[in-house]
Amino acid sequence: MPKMKTHKSGAKRYRVTATGKVMRAQAFRGHLNVTKSSKRKRRLNSDVVISTANEKKIRLELPYPKYSR
């Protein structure tokens, strides 16, 4: 059986932790940052675990965890 291909846009967006959880970056950090407080921007800077509803779909894009971001 041939190797499975990694979905490259998924590999750039998600990363897999050592325990197997899939992490993603938070939204609302790209622009209009003058009006956001420093506390809010700091909180948005950290990665979060993806929801369980989307996990199955995203794992199809990342068959090999080492290719994630």
PDB file of N, CA and C in Angstrom:
ATOM      1  N   MET A   1       0.845  -1.186   0.000  1.00  0.00           N
ATOM      2  CA  MET A   1       0.000   0.000   0.000  1.00  0.00           C
ATOM      3  C   MET A   1       0.889   1.248   0.000  1.00  0.00           C
ATOM      4  N   PRO A   2       0.591   2.231  -0.863  1.00  0.00           N
ATOM      5  CA  PRO A   2       1.424   3.436  -0.903  1.00  0.00           C
ATOM      6  C   PRO A   2       1.215   4.312   0.332  1.00  0.00           C
ATOM      7  N   LYS A   3       2.153   5.224   0.492  1.00  0.00           N
ATOM      8  CA  LYS A   3       2.050   6.155   1.607  1.00  0.00           C
ATOM      9  C   LYS A   3       0.853   7.079   1.426  1.00  0.00           C
ATOM     10  N   MET A   4       0.279   7.505   2.543  1.00  0.00           N
ATOM     11  CA  MET A   4      -0.812   8.478   2.483  1.00  0.00           C
ATOM     12  C   MET A   4      -0.208   9.869   2.364  1.00  0.00           C
ATOM     13  N   LYS A   5      -0.889  10.738   1.628  1.00  0.00           N
ATOM     14  CA  LYS A   5      -0.389  12.096   1.460  1.00  0.00           C
ATOM     15  C   LYS A   5      -0.943  13.005   2.541  1.00  0.00           C
ATOM     16  N   THR A   6      -0.086  13.885   3.048  1.00  0.00           N
ATOM     17  CA  THR A   6      -0.490  14.874   4.029  1.00  0.00           C
ATOM     18  C   THR A   6      -1.114  16.061   3.317  1.00  0.00           C
ATOM     19  N   HIS A   7      -2.245  16.515   3.807  1.00  0.00           N
ATOM     20  CA  HIS A   7      -2.896  17.706   3.261  1.00  0.00           C
ATOM     21  C   HIS A   7      -2.092  18.904   3.746  1.00  0.00           C
ATOM     22  N   LYS A   8      -1.405  19.579   2.842  1.00  0.00           N
ATOM     23  CA  LYS A   8      -0.421  20.572   3.243  1.00  0.00           C
ATOM     24  C   LYS A   8      -1.025  21.800   3.918  1.00  0.00           C
ATOM     25  N   SER A   9      -2.240  22.198   3.528  1.00  0.00           N
ATOM     26  CA  SER A   9      -2.837  23.336   4.224  1.00  0.00           C
ATOM     27  C   SER A   9      -3.189  22.950   5.659  1.00  0.00           C
ATOM     28  N   GLY A  10      -3.577  21.701   5.864  1.00  0.00           N
ATOM     29  CA  GLY A  10      -3.852  21.236   7.225  1.00  0.00           C
ATOM     30  C   GLY A  10      -2.589  21.156   8.052  1.00  0.00           C
ATOM     31  N   ALA A  11      -1.489  20.763   7.419  1.00  0.00           N
ATOM     32  CA  ALA A  11      -0.222  20.665   8.137  1.00  0.00           C
ATOM     33  C   ALA A  11       0.265  22.043   8.583  1.00  0.00           C
ATOM     34  N   LYS A  12      -0.111  23.088   7.838  1.00  0.00           N
ATOM     35  CA  LYS A  12       0.288  24.441   8.216  1.00  0.00           C
ATOM     36  C   LYS A  12      -0.604  25.016   9.307  1.00  0.00           C
ATOM     37  N   ARG A  13      -1.838  24.529   9.405  1.00  0.00           N
ATOM     38  CA  ARG A  13      -2.796  25.099  10.354  1.00  0.00           C
ATOM     39  C   ARG A  13      -2.830  24.404  11.696  1.00  0.00           C
ATOM     40  N   TYR A  14      -2.529  23.112  11.720  1.00  0.00           N
ATOM     41  CA  TYR A  14      -2.695  22.325  12.942  1.00  0.00           C
ATOM     42  C   TYR A  14      -1.380  21.691  13.338  1.00  0.00           C
ATOM     43  N   ARG A  15      -1.273  21.384  14.624  1.00  0.00           N
ATOM     44  CA  ARG A  15      -0.128  20.619  15.098  1.00  0.00           C
ATOM     45  C   ARG A  15      -0.635  19.581  16.083  1.00  0.00           C
ATOM     46  N   VAL A  16       0.084  18.478  16.176  1.00  0.00           N
ATOM     47  CA  VAL A  16      -0.302  17.389  17.055  1.00  0.00           C
ATOM     48  C   VAL A  16       0.680  17.354  18.216  1.00  0.00           C
ATOM     49  N   THR A  17       0.156  17.296  19.437  1.00  0.00           N
ATOM     50  CA  THR A  17       1.002  17.258  20.620  1.00  0.00           C
ATOM     51  C   THR A  17       1.540  15.849  20.822  1.00  0.00           C
ATOM     52  N   ALA A  18       2.434  15.708  21.795  1.00  0.00           N
ATOM     53  CA  ALA A  18       3.015  14.396  22.086  1.00  0.00           C
ATOM     54  C   ALA A  18       1.966  13.421  22.607  1.00  0.00           C
ATOM     55  N   THR A  19       0.923  13.934  23.232  1.00  0.00           N
ATOM     56  CA  THR A  19      -0.131  13.064  23.741  1.00  0.00           C
ATOM     57  C   THR A  19      -1.201  12.773  22.702  1.00  0.00           C
ATOM     58  N   GLY A  20      -1.093  13.393  21.502  1.00  0.00           N
ATOM     59  CA  GLY A  20      -2.011  13.091  20.420  1.00  0.00           C
ATOM     60  C   GLY A  20      -3.138  14.086  20.228  1.00  0.00           C
ATOM     61  N   LYS A  21      -3.165  15.157  21.017  1.00  0.00           N
ATOM     62  CA  LYS A  21      -4.199  16.169  20.831  1.00  0.00           C
ATOM     63  C   LYS A  21      -3.844  17.056  19.643  1.00  0.00           C
ATOM     64  N   VAL A  22      -4.865  17.516  18.930  1.00  0.00           N
ATOM     65  CA  VAL A  22      -4.647  18.401  17.786  1.00  0.00           C
ATOM     66  C   VAL A  22      -4.904  19.829  18.235  1.00  0.00           C
ATOM     67  N   MET A  23      -3.927  20.691  18.002  1.00  0.00           N
ATOM     68  CA  MET A  23      -4.009  22.082  18.429  1.00  0.00           C
ATOM     69  C   MET A  23      -4.161  22.980  17.204  1.00  0.00           C
ATOM     70  N   ARG A  24      -4.779  24.149  17.431  1.00  0.00           N
ATOM     71  CA  ARG A  24      -4.943  25.142  16.371  1.00  0.00           C
ATOM     72  C   ARG A  24      -4.707  26.519  16.971  1.00  0.00           C
ATOM     73  N   ALA A  25      -4.423  27.482  16.100  1.00  0.00           N
ATOM     74  CA  ALA A  25      -4.273  28.869  16.535  1.00  0.00           C
ATOM     75  C   ALA A  25      -5.653  29.499  16.648  1.00  0.00           C
ATOM     76  N   GLN A  26      -5.773  30.529  17.464  1.00  0.00           N
ATOM     77  CA  GLN A  26      -7.052  31.204  17.639  1.00  0.00           C
ATOM     78  C   GLN A  26      -7.221  32.309  16.603  1.00  0.00           C
ATOM     79  N   ALA A  27      -8.456  32.607  16.307  1.00  0.00           N
ATOM     80  CA  ALA A  27      -8.788  33.638  15.326  1.00  0.00           C
ATOM     81  C   ALA A  27      -8.796  35.023  15.994  1.00  0.00           C
ATOM     82  N   PHE A  28      -9.090  36.048  15.225  1.00  0.00           N
ATOM     83  CA  PHE A  28      -9.239  37.442  15.682  1.00  0.00           C
ATOM     84  C   PHE A  28      -7.943  38.037  16.190  1.00  0.00           C
ATOM     85  N   ARG A  29      -6.841  37.658  15.604  1.00  0.00           N
ATOM     86  CA  ARG A  29      -5.560  38.193  16.011  1.00  0.00           C
ATOM     87  C   ARG A  29      -4.868  38.924  14.855  1.00  0.00           C
ATOM     88  N   GLY A  30      -5.432  38.838  13.659  1.00  0.00           N
ATOM     89  CA  GLY A  30      -4.734  39.312  12.472  1.00  0.00           C
ATOM     90  C   GLY A  30      -4.673  40.812  12.288  1.00  0.00           C
ATOM     91  N   HIS A  31      -5.757  41.524  12.598  1.00  0.00           N
ATOM     92  CA  HIS A  31      -5.768  42.971  12.364  1.00  0.00           C
ATOM     93  C   HIS A  31      -6.721  43.622  13.352  1.00  0.00           C
ATOM     94  N   LEU A  32      -6.803  44.941  13.292  1.00  0.00           N
ATOM     95  CA  LEU A  32      -7.593  45.751  14.240  1.00  0.00           C
ATOM     96  C   LEU A  32      -7.168  45.505  15.682  1.00  0.00           C
ATOM     97  N   ASN A  33      -5.866  45.424  15.886  1.00  0.00           N
ATOM     98  CA  ASN A  33      -5.350  45.107  17.213  1.00  0.00           C
ATOM     99  C   ASN A  33      -5.225  46.324  18.123  1.00  0.00           C
ATOM    100  N   VAL A  34      -5.409  47.516  17.592  1.00  0.00           N
ATOM    101  CA  VAL A  34      -5.297  48.714  18.420  1.00  0.00           C
ATOM    102  C   VAL A  34      -6.427  48.764  19.435  1.00  0.00           C
ATOM    103  N   THR A  35      -7.600  48.306  19.023  1.00  0.00           N
ATOM    104  CA  THR A  35      -8.759  48.385  19.916  1.00  0.00           C
ATOM    105  C   THR A  35      -8.809  47.240  20.926  1.00  0.00           C
ATOM    106  N   LYS A  36      -7.987  46.210  20.740  1.00  0.00           N
ATOM    107  CA  LYS A  36      -7.993  45.071  21.653  1.00  0.00           C
ATOM    108  C   LYS A  36      -7.012  45.308  22.787  1.00  0.00           C
ATOM    109  N   SER A  37      -7.387  44.861  23.971  1.00  0.00           N
ATOM    110  CA  SER A  37      -6.514  45.047  25.128  1.00  0.00           C
ATOM    111  C   SER A  37      -5.329  44.083  25.042  1.00  0.00           C
ATOM    112  N   SER A  38      -4.280  44.388  25.781  1.00  0.00           N
ATOM    113  CA  SER A  38      -3.103  43.534  25.793  1.00  0.00           C
ATOM    114  C   SER A  38      -3.440  42.166  26.360  1.00  0.00           C
ATOM    115  N   LYS A  39      -4.293  42.149  27.364  1.00  0.00           N
ATOM    116  CA  LYS A  39      -4.712  40.881  27.968  1.00  0.00           C
ATOM    117  C   LYS A  39      -5.425  39.995  26.946  1.00  0.00           C
ATOM    118  N   ARG A  40      -6.286  40.598  26.146  1.00  0.00           N
ATOM    119  CA  ARG A  40      -7.027  39.851  25.129  1.00  0.00           C
ATOM    120  C   ARG A  40      -6.100  39.327  24.043  1.00  0.00           C
ATOM    121  N   LYS A  41      -5.139  40.159  23.621  1.00  0.00           N
ATOM    122  CA  LYS A  41      -4.203  39.739  22.584  1.00  0.00           C
ATOM    123  C   LYS A  41      -3.288  38.625  23.085  1.00  0.00           C
ATOM    124  N   ARG A  42      -2.878  38.698  24.349  1.00  0.00           N
ATOM    125  CA  ARG A  42      -2.068  37.639  24.944  1.00  0.00           C
ATOM    126  C   ARG A  42      -2.821  36.318  24.979  1.00  0.00           C
ATOM    127  N   ARG A  43      -4.104  36.378  25.339  1.00  0.00           N
ATOM    128  CA  ARG A  43      -4.931  35.176  25.415  1.00  0.00           C
ATOM    129  C   ARG A  43      -5.135  34.565  24.024  1.00  0.00           C
ATOM    130  N   LEU A  44      -5.309  35.425  23.016  1.00  0.00           N
ATOM    131  CA  LEU A  44      -5.502  34.939  21.655  1.00  0.00           C
ATOM    132  C   LEU A  44      -4.215  34.386  21.046  1.00  0.00           C
ATOM    133  N   ASN A  45      -3.081  34.699  21.654  1.00  0.00           N
ATOM    134  CA  ASN A  45      -1.801  34.259  21.122  1.00  0.00           C
ATOM    135  C   ASN A  45      -1.547  32.778  21.354  1.00  0.00           C
ATOM    136  N   SER A  46      -2.228  32.163  22.322  1.00  0.00           N
ATOM    137  CA  SER A  46      -1.961  30.770  22.649  1.00  0.00           C
ATOM    138  C   SER A  46      -2.799  29.837  21.786  1.00  0.00           C
ATOM    139  N   ASP A  47      -2.296  28.623  21.586  1.00  0.00           N
ATOM    140  CA  ASP A  47      -3.021  27.607  20.838  1.00  0.00           C
ATOM    141  C   ASP A  47      -4.081  26.964  21.716  1.00  0.00           C
ATOM    142  N   VAL A  48      -5.120  26.422  21.080  1.00  0.00           N
ATOM    143  CA  VAL A  48      -6.183  25.731  21.798  1.00  0.00           C
ATOM    144  C   VAL A  48      -6.422  24.370  21.148  1.00  0.00           C
ATOM    145  N   VAL A  49      -7.013  23.464  21.901  1.00  0.00           N
ATOM    146  CA  VAL A  49      -7.344  22.141  21.388  1.00  0.00           C
ATOM    147  C   VAL A  49      -8.579  22.260  20.507  1.00  0.00           C
ATOM    148  N   ILE A  50      -8.586  21.560  19.372  1.00  0.00           N
ATOM    149  CA  ILE A  50      -9.743  21.623  18.484  1.00  0.00           C
ATOM    150  C   ILE A  50     -10.921  20.893  19.104  1.00  0.00           C
ATOM    151  N   SER A  51     -12.117  21.208  18.634  1.00  0.00           N
ATOM    152  CA  SER A  51     -13.312  20.575  19.170  1.00  0.00           C
ATOM    153  C   SER A  51     -13.384  19.124  18.711  1.00  0.00           C
ATOM    154  N   THR A  52     -14.037  18.305  19.491  1.00  0.00           N
ATOM    155  CA  THR A  52     -14.150  16.889  19.163  1.00  0.00           C
ATOM    156  C   THR A  52     -14.997  16.667  17.919  1.00  0.00           C
ATOM    157  N   ALA A  53     -15.903  17.609  17.608  1.00  0.00           N
ATOM    158  CA  ALA A  53     -16.743  17.489  16.422  1.00  0.00           C
ATOM    159  C   ALA A  53     -15.913  17.571  15.143  1.00  0.00           C
ATOM    160  N   ASN A  54     -14.823  18.326  15.155  1.00  0.00           N
ATOM    161  CA  ASN A  54     -13.991  18.510  13.968  1.00  0.00           C
ATOM    162  C   ASN A  54     -12.765  17.607  13.947  1.00  0.00           C
ATOM    163  N   GLU A  55     -12.519  16.899  15.034  1.00  0.00           N
ATOM    164  CA  GLU A  55     -11.259  16.156  15.156  1.00  0.00           C
ATOM    165  C   GLU A  55     -11.127  15.051  14.104  1.00  0.00           C
ATOM    166  N   LYS A  56     -12.187  14.320  13.839  1.00  0.00           N
ATOM    167  CA  LYS A  56     -12.112  13.218  12.886  1.00  0.00           C
ATOM    168  C   LYS A  56     -11.757  13.726  11.492  1.00  0.00           C
ATOM    169  N   LYS A  57     -12.360  14.834  11.097  1.00  0.00           N
ATOM    170  CA  LYS A  57     -12.099  15.409   9.780  1.00  0.00           C
ATOM    171  C   LYS A  57     -10.654  15.903   9.663  1.00  0.00           C
ATOM    172  N   ILE A  58     -10.157  16.525  10.710  1.00  0.00           N
ATOM    173  CA  ILE A  58      -8.812  17.091  10.667  1.00  0.00           C
ATOM    174  C   ILE A  58      -7.756  15.998  10.713  1.00  0.00           C
ATOM    175  N   ARG A  59      -8.021  14.917  11.436  1.00  0.00           N
ATOM    176  CA  ARG A  59      -7.054  13.809  11.484  1.00  0.00           C
ATOM    177  C   ARG A  59      -6.866  13.144  10.120  1.00  0.00           C
ATOM    178  N   LEU A  60      -7.866  13.232   9.253  1.00  0.00           N
ATOM    179  CA  LEU A  60      -7.702  12.716   7.893  1.00  0.00           C
ATOM    180  C   LEU A  60      -6.669  13.523   7.116  1.00  0.00           C
ATOM    181  N   GLU A  61      -6.568  14.805   7.425  1.00  0.00           N
ATOM    182  CA  GLU A  61      -5.597  15.664   6.751  1.00  0.00           C
ATOM    183  C   GLU A  61      -4.183  15.437   7.262  1.00  0.00           C
ATOM    184  N   LEU A  62      -4.044  14.925   8.473  1.00  0.00           N
ATOM    185  CA  LEU A  62      -2.727  14.743   9.095  1.00  0.00           C
ATOM    186  C   LEU A  62      -2.492  13.269   9.409  1.00  0.00           C
ATOM    187  N   PRO A  63      -2.258  12.430   8.387  1.00  0.00           N
ATOM    188  CA  PRO A  63      -2.066  11.016   8.677  1.00  0.00           C
ATOM    189  C   PRO A  63      -0.774  10.735   9.433  1.00  0.00           C
ATOM    190  N   TYR A  64       0.225  11.593   9.268  1.00  0.00           N
ATOM    191  CA  TYR A  64       1.493  11.430   9.956  1.00  0.00           C
ATOM    192  C   TYR A  64       1.726  12.665  10.818  1.00  0.00           C
ATOM    193  N   PRO A  65       1.651  12.548  12.131  1.00  0.00           N
ATOM    194  CA  PRO A  65       1.721  13.733  13.004  1.00  0.00           C
ATOM    195  C   PRO A  65       3.010  14.539  12.875  1.00  0.00           C
ATOM    196  N   LYS A  66       4.093  13.926  12.420  1.00  0.00           N
ATOM    197  CA  LYS A  66       5.355  14.676  12.359  1.00  0.00           C
ATOM    198  C   LYS A  66       5.322  15.785  11.315  1.00  0.00           C
ATOM    199  N   TYR A  67       4.370  15.726  10.360  1.00  0.00           N
ATOM    200  CA  TYR A  67       4.307  16.753   9.334  1.00  0.00           C
ATOM    201  C   TYR A  67       3.535  17.988   9.773  1.00  0.00           C
ATOM    202  N   SER A  68       2.948  17.963  10.962  1.00  0.00           N
ATOM    203  CA  SER A  68       2.165  19.123  11.375  1.00  0.00           C
ATOM    204  C   SER A  68       3.089  20.235  11.803  1.00  0.00           C
ATOM    205  N   ARG A  69       2.769  21.416  11.458  1.00  0.00           N
ATOM    206  CA  ARG A  69       3.433  22.688  11.694  1.00  0.00           C
ATOM    207  C   ARG A  69       4.555  22.555  12.653  1.00  0.00           C
TER     208      ARG A  69
END
